[in-house]
Each structure stands twice: as C-alpha cells, then as structure tokens.
PDB file of all heavy atoms in Angstrom:
ATOM      1  N   GLU A   1      12.009  -9.596  -2.467  1.00  0.00           N
ATOM      2  CA  GLU A   1      11.759  -9.140  -3.831  1.00  0.00           C
ATOM      3  C   GLU A   1      10.260  -8.863  -3.959  1.00  0.00           C
ATOM      4  O   GLU A   1       9.446  -9.420  -3.226  1.00  0.00           O
ATOM      5  CB  GLU A   1      12.174 -10.223  -4.836  1.00  0.00           C
ATOM      6  CG  GLU A   1      13.652 -10.544  -4.819  1.00  0.00           C
ATOM      7  CD  GLU A   1      14.497  -9.352  -5.249  1.00  0.00           C
ATOM      8  OE1 GLU A   1      14.085  -8.632  -6.172  1.00  0.00           O
ATOM      9  OE2 GLU A   1      15.563  -9.150  -4.652  1.00  0.00           O
ATOM     10  N   TYR A   2       9.886  -7.989  -4.897  1.00  0.00           N
ATOM     11  CA  TYR A   2       8.462  -7.751  -5.142  1.00  0.00           C
ATOM     12  C   TYR A   2       7.798  -9.056  -5.549  1.00  0.00           C
ATOM     13  O   TYR A   2       8.371  -9.861  -6.282  1.00  0.00           O
ATOM     14  CB  TYR A   2       8.269  -6.706  -6.247  1.00  0.00           C
ATOM     15  CG  TYR A   2       8.596  -5.321  -5.783  1.00  0.00           C
ATOM     16  CD1 TYR A   2       9.698  -4.654  -6.293  1.00  0.00           C
ATOM     17  CD2 TYR A   2       7.810  -4.686  -4.837  1.00  0.00           C
ATOM     18  CE1 TYR A   2      10.008  -3.372  -5.875  1.00  0.00           C
ATOM     19  CE2 TYR A   2       8.111  -3.415  -4.401  1.00  0.00           C
ATOM     20  CZ  TYR A   2       9.212  -2.756  -4.926  1.00  0.00           C
ATOM     21  OH  TYR A   2       9.516  -1.505  -4.509  1.00  0.00           O
ATOM     22  N   GLN A   3       6.579  -9.262  -5.056  1.00  0.00           N
ATOM     23  CA  GLN A   3       5.851 -10.488  -5.324  1.00  0.00           C
ATOM     24  C   GLN A   3       4.360 -10.237  -5.196  1.00  0.00           C
ATOM     25  O   GLN A   3       3.944  -9.292  -4.531  1.00  0.00           O
ATOM     26  CB  GLN A   3       6.290 -11.567  -4.345  1.00  0.00           C
ATOM     27  CG  GLN A   3       6.144 -11.139  -2.890  1.00  0.00           C
ATOM     28  CD  GLN A   3       6.826 -12.088  -1.945  1.00  0.00           C
ATOM     29  OE1 GLN A   3       6.654 -13.285  -2.060  1.00  0.00           O
ATOM     30  NE2 GLN A   3       7.606 -11.567  -1.016  1.00  0.00           N
ATOM     31  N   PRO A   4       3.555 -11.062  -5.851  1.00  0.00           N
ATOM     32  CA  PRO A   4       2.105 -10.880  -5.719  1.00  0.00           C
ATOM     33  C   PRO A   4       1.667 -11.230  -4.304  1.00  0.00           C
ATOM     34  O   PRO A   4       2.309 -12.019  -3.612  1.00  0.00           O
ATOM     35  CB  PRO A   4       1.518 -11.854  -6.742  1.00  0.00           C
ATOM     36  CG  PRO A   4       2.617 -12.798  -7.096  1.00  0.00           C
ATOM     37  CD  PRO A   4       3.916 -12.136  -6.745  1.00  0.00           C
ATOM     38  N   GLY A   5       0.607 -10.625  -3.871  1.00  0.00           N
ATOM     39  CA  GLY A   5       0.077 -10.898  -2.544  1.00  0.00           C
ATOM     40  C   GLY A   5      -1.367 -11.327  -2.626  1.00  0.00           C
ATOM     41  O   GLY A   5      -1.958 -11.396  -3.702  1.00  0.00           O
ATOM     42  N   ARG A   6      -1.927 -11.633  -1.497  1.00  0.00           N
ATOM     43  CA  ARG A   6      -3.345 -11.984  -1.440  1.00  0.00           C
ATOM     44  C   ARG A   6      -3.925 -11.419  -0.161  1.00  0.00           C
ATOM     45  O   ARG A   6      -3.203 -11.230   0.821  1.00  0.00           O
ATOM     46  CB  ARG A   6      -3.550 -13.484  -1.509  1.00  0.00           C
ATOM     47  CG  ARG A   6      -2.992 -14.242  -0.310  1.00  0.00           C
ATOM     48  CD  ARG A   6      -3.287 -15.736  -0.422  1.00  0.00           C
ATOM     49  NE  ARG A   6      -2.756 -16.435   0.713  1.00  0.00           N
ATOM     50  CZ  ARG A   6      -3.319 -16.503   1.923  1.00  0.00           C
ATOM     51  NH1 ARG A   6      -4.469 -15.920   2.124  1.00  0.00           N
ATOM     52  NH2 ARG A   6      -2.754 -17.145   2.915  1.00  0.00           N
ATOM     53  N   ALA A   7      -5.185 -11.143  -0.180  1.00  0.00           N
ATOM     54  CA  ALA A   7      -5.866 -10.603   0.997  1.00  0.00           C
ATOM     55  C   ALA A   7      -6.667 -11.707   1.656  1.00  0.00           C
ATOM     56  O   ALA A   7      -7.363 -12.468   0.988  1.00  0.00           O
ATOM     57  CB  ALA A   7      -6.789  -9.463   0.596  1.00  0.00           C
ATOM     58  N   GLY A   8      -6.543 -11.804   2.978  1.00  0.00           N
ATOM     59  CA  GLY A   8      -7.299 -12.805   3.705  1.00  0.00           C
ATOM     60  C   GLY A   8      -8.653 -12.268   4.140  1.00  0.00           C
ATOM     61  O   GLY A   8      -8.953 -11.086   3.968  1.00  0.00           O
ATOM     62  N   PRO A   9      -9.480 -13.118   4.818  1.00  0.00           N
ATOM     63  CA  PRO A   9     -10.804 -12.681   5.273  1.00  0.00           C
ATOM     64  C   PRO A   9     -10.757 -11.759   6.479  1.00  0.00           C
ATOM     65  O   PRO A   9     -11.755 -11.152   6.821  1.00  0.00           O
ATOM     66  CB  PRO A   9     -11.496 -14.001   5.638  1.00  0.00           C
ATOM     67  CG  PRO A   9     -10.375 -14.943   5.935  1.00  0.00           C
ATOM     68  CD  PRO A   9      -9.240 -14.518   5.047  1.00  0.00           C
ATOM     69  N   THR A  10      -9.479 -11.595   7.174  1.00  0.00           N
ATOM     70  CA  THR A  10      -9.376 -10.758   8.372  1.00  0.00           C
ATOM     71  C   THR A  10      -9.388  -9.281   8.088  1.00  0.00           C
ATOM     72  O   THR A  10      -9.440  -8.458   8.983  1.00  0.00           O
ATOM     73  CB  THR A  10      -8.066 -11.087   9.111  1.00  0.00           C
ATOM     74  OG1 THR A  10      -6.959 -10.796   8.301  1.00  0.00           O
ATOM     75  CG2 THR A  10      -7.960 -12.511   9.533  1.00  0.00           C
ATOM     76  N   ARG A  11      -9.526  -8.770   6.673  1.00  0.00           N
ATOM     77  CA  ARG A  11      -9.555  -7.390   6.179  1.00  0.00           C
ATOM     78  C   ARG A  11      -8.366  -6.603   6.704  1.00  0.00           C
ATOM     79  O   ARG A  11      -8.465  -5.443   7.024  1.00  0.00           O
ATOM     80  CB  ARG A  11     -10.864  -6.680   6.519  1.00  0.00           C
ATOM     81  CG  ARG A  11     -12.049  -7.122   5.716  1.00  0.00           C
ATOM     82  CD  ARG A  11     -12.005  -6.519   4.331  1.00  0.00           C
ATOM     83  NE  ARG A  11     -13.099  -7.079   3.550  1.00  0.00           N
ATOM     84  CZ  ARG A  11     -13.594  -6.514   2.487  1.00  0.00           C
ATOM     85  NH1 ARG A  11     -13.129  -5.372   2.054  1.00  0.00           N
ATOM     86  NH2 ARG A  11     -14.546  -7.085   1.816  1.00  0.00           N
ATOM     87  N   ALA A  12      -7.227  -7.274   6.791  1.00  0.00           N
ATOM     88  CA  ALA A  12      -5.980  -6.579   7.111  1.00  0.00           C
ATOM     89  C   ALA A  12      -5.161  -6.484   5.838  1.00  0.00           C
ATOM     90  O   ALA A  12      -5.186  -7.381   5.012  1.00  0.00           O
ATOM     91  CB  ALA A  12      -5.202  -7.366   8.164  1.00  0.00           C
ATOM     92  N   GLY A  13      -4.456  -5.384   5.659  1.00  0.00           N
ATOM     93  CA  GLY A  13      -3.664  -5.224   4.458  1.00  0.00           C
ATOM     94  C   GLY A  13      -2.247  -4.813   4.792  1.00  0.00           C
ATOM     95  O   GLY A  13      -1.957  -4.357   5.899  1.00  0.00           O
ATOM     96  N   LEU A  14      -1.384  -4.977   3.830  1.00  0.00           N
ATOM     97  CA  LEU A  14       0.012  -4.613   3.991  1.00  0.00           C
ATOM     98  C   LEU A  14       0.503  -4.082   2.664  1.00  0.00           C
ATOM     99  O   LEU A  14       0.190  -4.627   1.612  1.00  0.00           O
ATOM    100  CB  LEU A  14       0.829  -5.842   4.391  1.00  0.00           C
ATOM    101  CG  LEU A  14       2.335  -5.673   4.485  1.00  0.00           C
ATOM    102  CD1 LEU A  14       2.702  -4.730   5.618  1.00  0.00           C
ATOM    103  CD2 LEU A  14       2.997  -7.013   4.688  1.00  0.00           C
ATOM    104  N   THR A  15       1.217  -3.005   2.691  1.00  0.00           N
ATOM    105  CA  THR A  15       1.823  -2.478   1.480  1.00  0.00           C
ATOM    106  C   THR A  15       3.328  -2.442   1.651  1.00  0.00           C
ATOM    107  O   THR A  15       3.827  -2.194   2.745  1.00  0.00           O
ATOM    108  CB  THR A  15       1.295  -1.069   1.129  1.00  0.00           C
ATOM    109  OG1 THR A  15       1.891  -0.637  -0.088  1.00  0.00           O
ATOM    110  CG2 THR A  15       1.586  -0.052   2.211  1.00  0.00           C
ATOM    111  N   ALA A  16       4.014  -2.731   0.577  1.00  0.00           N
ATOM    112  CA  ALA A  16       5.467  -2.626   0.598  1.00  0.00           C
ATOM    113  C   ALA A  16       5.902  -1.208   0.255  1.00  0.00           C
ATOM    114  O   ALA A  16       7.074  -0.885   0.321  1.00  0.00           O
ATOM    115  CB  ALA A  16       6.078  -3.614  -0.392  1.00  0.00           C
ATOM    116  N   LEU A  17       4.943  -0.374  -0.117  1.00  0.00           N
ATOM    117  CA  LEU A  17       5.253   0.999  -0.499  1.00  0.00           C
ATOM    118  C   LEU A  17       5.275   1.889   0.742  1.00  0.00           C
ATOM    119  O   LEU A  17       4.790   1.518   1.798  1.00  0.00           O
ATOM    120  CB  LEU A  17       4.218   1.505  -1.493  1.00  0.00           C
ATOM    121  CG  LEU A  17       4.086   0.666  -2.765  1.00  0.00           C
ATOM    122  CD1 LEU A  17       2.951   1.184  -3.625  1.00  0.00           C
ATOM    123  CD2 LEU A  17       5.390   0.651  -3.540  1.00  0.00           C
ATOM    124  N   GLY A  18       5.817   3.073   0.615  1.00  0.00           N
ATOM    125  CA  GLY A  18       5.828   4.022   1.711  1.00  0.00           C
ATOM    126  C   GLY A  18       7.107   4.038   2.510  1.00  0.00           C
ATOM    127  O   GLY A  18       7.185   4.686   3.545  1.00  0.00           O
ATOM    128  N   HIS A  19       8.106   3.314   2.042  1.00  0.00           N
ATOM    129  CA  HIS A  19       9.373   3.263   2.768  1.00  0.00           C
ATOM    130  C   HIS A  19      10.036   4.640   2.805  1.00  0.00           C
ATOM    131  O   HIS A  19      10.539   5.067   3.838  1.00  0.00           O
ATOM    132  CB  HIS A  19      10.290   2.231   2.111  1.00  0.00           C
ATOM    133  CG  HIS A  19      11.562   1.993   2.847  1.00  0.00           C
ATOM    134  ND1 HIS A  19      11.595   1.465   4.113  1.00  0.00           N
ATOM    135  CD2 HIS A  19      12.844   2.213   2.505  1.00  0.00           C
ATOM    136  CE1 HIS A  19      12.851   1.363   4.514  1.00  0.00           C
ATOM    137  NE2 HIS A  19      13.629   1.813   3.555  1.00  0.00           N
ATOM    138  N   ALA A  20      10.004   5.323   1.687  1.00  0.00           N
ATOM    139  CA  ALA A  20      10.596   6.661   1.617  1.00  0.00           C
ATOM    140  C   ALA A  20       9.527   7.706   1.918  1.00  0.00           C
ATOM    141  O   ALA A  20       8.409   7.619   1.423  1.00  0.00           O
ATOM    142  CB  ALA A  20      11.184   6.905   0.219  1.00  0.00           C
ATOM    143  N   SER A  21       9.862   8.679   2.723  1.00  0.00           N
ATOM    144  CA  SER A  21       8.882   9.707   3.092  1.00  0.00           C
ATOM    145  C   SER A  21       8.387  10.491   1.881  1.00  0.00           C
ATOM    146  O   SER A  21       7.271  10.997   1.882  1.00  0.00           O
ATOM    147  CB  SER A  21       9.459  10.649   4.149  1.00  0.00           C
ATOM    148  OG  SER A  21      10.608  11.308   3.646  1.00  0.00           O
ATOM    149  N   GLU A  22       9.202  10.562   0.829  1.00  0.00           N
ATOM    150  CA  GLU A  22       8.777  11.277  -0.383  1.00  0.00           C
ATOM    151  C   GLU A  22       7.561  10.627  -1.025  1.00  0.00           C
ATOM    152  O   GLU A  22       6.789  11.298  -1.715  1.00  0.00           O
ATOM    153  CB  GLU A  22       9.926  11.319  -1.415  1.00  0.00           C
ATOM    154  CG  GLU A  22      11.132  12.111  -0.974  1.00  0.00           C
ATOM    155  CD  GLU A  22      12.085  11.307  -0.088  1.00  0.00           C
ATOM    156  OE1 GLU A  22      11.931  10.072   0.030  1.00  0.00           O
ATOM    157  OE2 GLU A  22      12.975  11.938   0.510  1.00  0.00           O
ATOM    158  N   ALA A  23       7.363   9.342  -0.794  1.00  0.00           N
ATOM    159  CA  ALA A  23       6.210   8.643  -1.374  1.00  0.00           C
ATOM    160  C   ALA A  23       4.902   9.240  -0.888  1.00  0.00           C
ATOM    161  O   ALA A  23       3.902   9.224  -1.598  1.00  0.00           O
ATOM    162  CB  ALA A  23       6.272   7.155  -1.026  1.00  0.00           C
ATOM    163  N   HIS A  24       4.902   9.794   0.301  1.00  0.00           N
ATOM    164  CA  HIS A  24       3.671  10.324   0.879  1.00  0.00           C
ATOM    165  C   HIS A  24       3.192  11.581   0.170  1.00  0.00           C
ATOM    166  O   HIS A  24       2.056  11.997   0.345  1.00  0.00           O
ATOM    167  CB  HIS A  24       3.868  10.565   2.372  1.00  0.00           C
ATOM    168  CG  HIS A  24       4.159   9.289   3.106  1.00  0.00           C
ATOM    169  ND1 HIS A  24       3.415   8.853   4.163  1.00  0.00           N
ATOM    170  CD2 HIS A  24       5.113   8.340   2.910  1.00  0.00           C
ATOM    171  CE1 HIS A  24       3.890   7.699   4.598  1.00  0.00           C
ATOM    172  NE2 HIS A  24       4.922   7.375   3.848  1.00  0.00           N
ATOM    173  N   ASP A  25       4.042  12.184  -0.635  1.00  0.00           N
ATOM    174  CA  ASP A  25       3.646  13.348  -1.434  1.00  0.00           C
ATOM    175  C   ASP A  25       3.116  12.947  -2.805  1.00  0.00           C
ATOM    176  O   ASP A  25       2.636  13.790  -3.554  1.00  0.00           O
ATOM    177  CB  ASP A  25       4.840  14.296  -1.636  1.00  0.00           C
ATOM    178  CG  ASP A  25       5.276  14.947  -0.337  1.00  0.00           C
ATOM    179  OD1 ASP A  25       4.406  15.174   0.532  1.00  0.00           O
ATOM    180  OD2 ASP A  25       6.481  15.210  -0.192  1.00  0.00           O
ATOM    181  N   ASP A  26       3.186  11.662  -3.127  1.00  0.00           N
ATOM    182  CA  ASP A  26       2.800  11.175  -4.447  1.00  0.00           C
ATOM    183  C   ASP A  26       1.300  10.864  -4.487  1.00  0.00           C
ATOM    184  O   ASP A  26       0.788  10.121  -3.640  1.00  0.00           O
ATOM    185  CB  ASP A  26       3.608   9.918  -4.771  1.00  0.00           C
ATOM    186  CG  ASP A  26       3.301   9.394  -6.147  1.00  0.00           C
ATOM    187  OD1 ASP A  26       3.847   9.948  -7.118  1.00  0.00           O
ATOM    188  OD2 ASP A  26       2.499   8.444  -6.247  1.00  0.00           O
ATOM    189  N   ALA A  27       0.601  11.435  -5.474  1.00  0.00           N
ATOM    190  CA  ALA A  27      -0.853  11.243  -5.588  1.00  0.00           C
ATOM    191  C   ALA A  27      -1.211   9.774  -5.789  1.00  0.00           C
ATOM    192  O   ALA A  27      -2.221   9.295  -5.238  1.00  0.00           O
ATOM    193  CB  ALA A  27      -1.396  12.089  -6.733  1.00  0.00           C
ATOM    194  N   ASP A  28      -0.417   9.035  -6.557  1.00  0.00           N
ATOM    195  CA  ASP A  28      -0.706   7.615  -6.766  1.00  0.00           C
ATOM    196  C   ASP A  28      -0.563   6.827  -5.470  1.00  0.00           C
ATOM    197  O   ASP A  28      -1.351   5.927  -5.186  1.00  0.00           O
ATOM    198  CB  ASP A  28       0.216   7.025  -7.841  1.00  0.00           C
ATOM    199  CG  ASP A  28      -0.109   7.528  -9.228  1.00  0.00           C
ATOM    200  OD1 ASP A  28      -1.281   7.887  -9.481  1.00  0.00           O
ATOM    201  OD2 ASP A  28       0.811   7.562 -10.064  1.00  0.00           O
ATOM    202  N   PHE A  29       0.432   7.164  -4.667  1.00  0.00           N
ATOM    203  CA  PHE A  29       0.606   6.475  -3.384  1.00  0.00           C
ATOM    204  C   PHE A  29      -0.558   6.782  -2.451  1.00  0.00           C
ATOM    205  O   PHE A  29      -1.091   5.888  -1.795  1.00  0.00           O
ATOM    206  CB  PHE A  29       1.935   6.870  -2.739  1.00  0.00           C
ATOM    207  CG  PHE A  29       2.129   6.225  -1.390  1.00  0.00           C
ATOM    208  CD1 PHE A  29       2.335   4.864  -1.286  1.00  0.00           C
ATOM    209  CD2 PHE A  29       2.092   6.979  -0.231  1.00  0.00           C
ATOM    210  CE1 PHE A  29       2.507   4.254  -0.056  1.00  0.00           C
ATOM    211  CE2 PHE A  29       2.273   6.383   1.015  1.00  0.00           C
ATOM    212  CZ  PHE A  29       2.477   5.016   1.092  1.00  0.00           C
ATOM    213  N   ARG A  30      -0.976   8.030  -2.403  1.00  0.00           N
ATOM    214  CA  ARG A  30      -2.128   8.386  -1.553  1.00  0.00           C
ATOM    215  C   ARG A  30      -3.383   7.673  -2.026  1.00  0.00           C
ATOM    216  O   ARG A  30      -4.186   7.226  -1.211  1.00  0.00           O
ATOM    217  CB  ARG A  30      -2.299   9.895  -1.515  1.00  0.00           C
ATOM    218  CG  ARG A  30      -1.175  10.593  -0.742  1.00  0.00           C
ATOM    219  CD  ARG A  30      -1.504  12.041  -0.412  1.00  0.00           C
ATOM    220  NE  ARG A  30      -1.949  12.813  -1.555  1.00  0.00           N
ATOM    221  CZ  ARG A  30      -1.164  13.534  -2.339  1.00  0.00           C
ATOM    222  NH1 ARG A  30       0.143  13.570  -2.098  1.00  0.00           N
ATOM    223  NH2 ARG A  30      -1.655  14.213  -3.347  1.00  0.00           N
ATOM    224  N   ALA A  31      -3.564   7.530  -3.328  1.00  0.00           N
ATOM    225  CA  ALA A  31      -4.716   6.790  -3.856  1.00  0.00           C
ATOM    226  C   ALA A  31      -4.622   5.311  -3.465  1.00  0.00           C
ATOM    227  O   ALA A  31      -5.632   4.678  -3.143  1.00  0.00           O
ATOM    228  CB  ALA A  31      -4.788   6.945  -5.371  1.00  0.00           C
ATOM    229  N   HIS A  32      -3.406   4.770  -3.486  1.00  0.00           N
ATOM    230  CA  HIS A  32      -3.166   3.390  -3.058  1.00  0.00           C
ATOM    231  C   HIS A  32      -3.594   3.214  -1.597  1.00  0.00           C
ATOM    232  O   HIS A  32      -4.301   2.269  -1.250  1.00  0.00           O
ATOM    233  CB  HIS A  32      -1.676   3.091  -3.248  1.00  0.00           C
ATOM    234  CG  HIS A  32      -1.208   1.804  -2.679  1.00  0.00           C
ATOM    235  ND1 HIS A  32      -1.547   0.579  -3.196  1.00  0.00           N
ATOM    236  CD2 HIS A  32      -0.384   1.556  -1.626  1.00  0.00           C
ATOM    237  CE1 HIS A  32      -0.963  -0.373  -2.488  1.00  0.00           C
ATOM    238  NE2 HIS A  32      -0.248   0.203  -1.535  1.00  0.00           N
ATOM    239  N   LEU A  33      -3.189   4.138  -0.741  1.00  0.00           N
ATOM    240  CA  LEU A  33      -3.572   4.068   0.677  1.00  0.00           C
ATOM    241  C   LEU A  33      -5.077   4.202   0.858  1.00  0.00           C
ATOM    242  O   LEU A  33      -5.690   3.456   1.622  1.00  0.00           O
ATOM    243  CB  LEU A  33      -2.863   5.161   1.473  1.00  0.00           C
ATOM    244  CG  LEU A  33      -1.367   5.016   1.657  1.00  0.00           C
ATOM    245  CD1 LEU A  33      -0.838   6.168   2.491  1.00  0.00           C
ATOM    246  CD2 LEU A  33      -1.025   3.692   2.304  1.00  0.00           C
ATOM    247  N   LEU A  34      -5.672   5.165   0.171  1.00  0.00           N
ATOM    248  CA  LEU A  34      -7.118   5.360   0.289  1.00  0.00           C
ATOM    249  C   LEU A  34      -7.867   4.111  -0.164  1.00  0.00           C
ATOM    250  O   LEU A  34      -8.845   3.705   0.469  1.00  0.00           O
ATOM    251  CB  LEU A  34      -7.567   6.579  -0.513  1.00  0.00           C
ATOM    252  CG  LEU A  34      -9.060   6.878  -0.458  1.00  0.00           C
ATOM    253  CD1 LEU A  34      -9.528   7.113   0.975  1.00  0.00           C
ATOM    254  CD2 LEU A  34      -9.385   8.075  -1.341  1.00  0.00           C
ATOM    255  N   GLY A  35      -7.403   3.494  -1.232  1.00  0.00           N
ATOM    256  CA  GLY A  35      -8.033   2.255  -1.692  1.00  0.00           C
ATOM    257  C   GLY A  35      -7.954   1.159  -0.644  1.00  0.00           C
ATOM    258  O   GLY A  35      -8.929   0.455  -0.390  1.00  0.00           O
ATOM    259  N   GLY A  36      -6.794   1.020  -0.008  1.00  0.00           N
ATOM    260  CA  GLY A  36      -6.638   0.005   1.025  1.00  0.00           C
ATOM    261  C   GLY A  36      -7.498   0.282   2.247  1.00  0.00           C
ATOM    262  O   GLY A  36      -8.114  -0.623   2.810  1.00  0.00           O
ATOM    263  N   ILE A  37      -7.542   1.520   2.655  1.00  0.00           N
ATOM    264  CA  ILE A  37      -8.377   1.891   3.813  1.00  0.00           C
ATOM    265  C   ILE A  37      -9.851   1.685   3.489  1.00  0.00           C
ATOM    266  O   ILE A  37     -10.614   1.147   4.308  1.00  0.00           O
ATOM    267  CB  ILE A  37      -8.093   3.352   4.227  1.00  0.00           C
ATOM    268  CG1 ILE A  37      -6.676   3.454   4.794  1.00  0.00           C
ATOM    269  CG2 ILE A  37      -9.130   3.847   5.222  1.00  0.00           C
ATOM    270  CD1 ILE A  37      -6.176   4.877   4.941  1.00  0.00           C
TER     271      ILE A  37
END
C-alpha cells in the first residue's frame, strides 16, 4: 500500500511511480524524477 518513506544518508532513492509506461509522458512524473536525480 502507499506509505510515507524516508531518505537515508546513502543518497539513494526509490519511487513507487513509473510502473505504467504512460507515466513517462506525464510532466509531473518527469518533474518527480528530475527532483530525485
């Protein structure tokens, strides 16, 4: 189920988004990825 996450000091991230290929065309999803990177 969706749940809050936390980031550790190892600067690794994980997103639960992106399962569907259509998400990659979404501007909000791309902004989410850019923010994580």
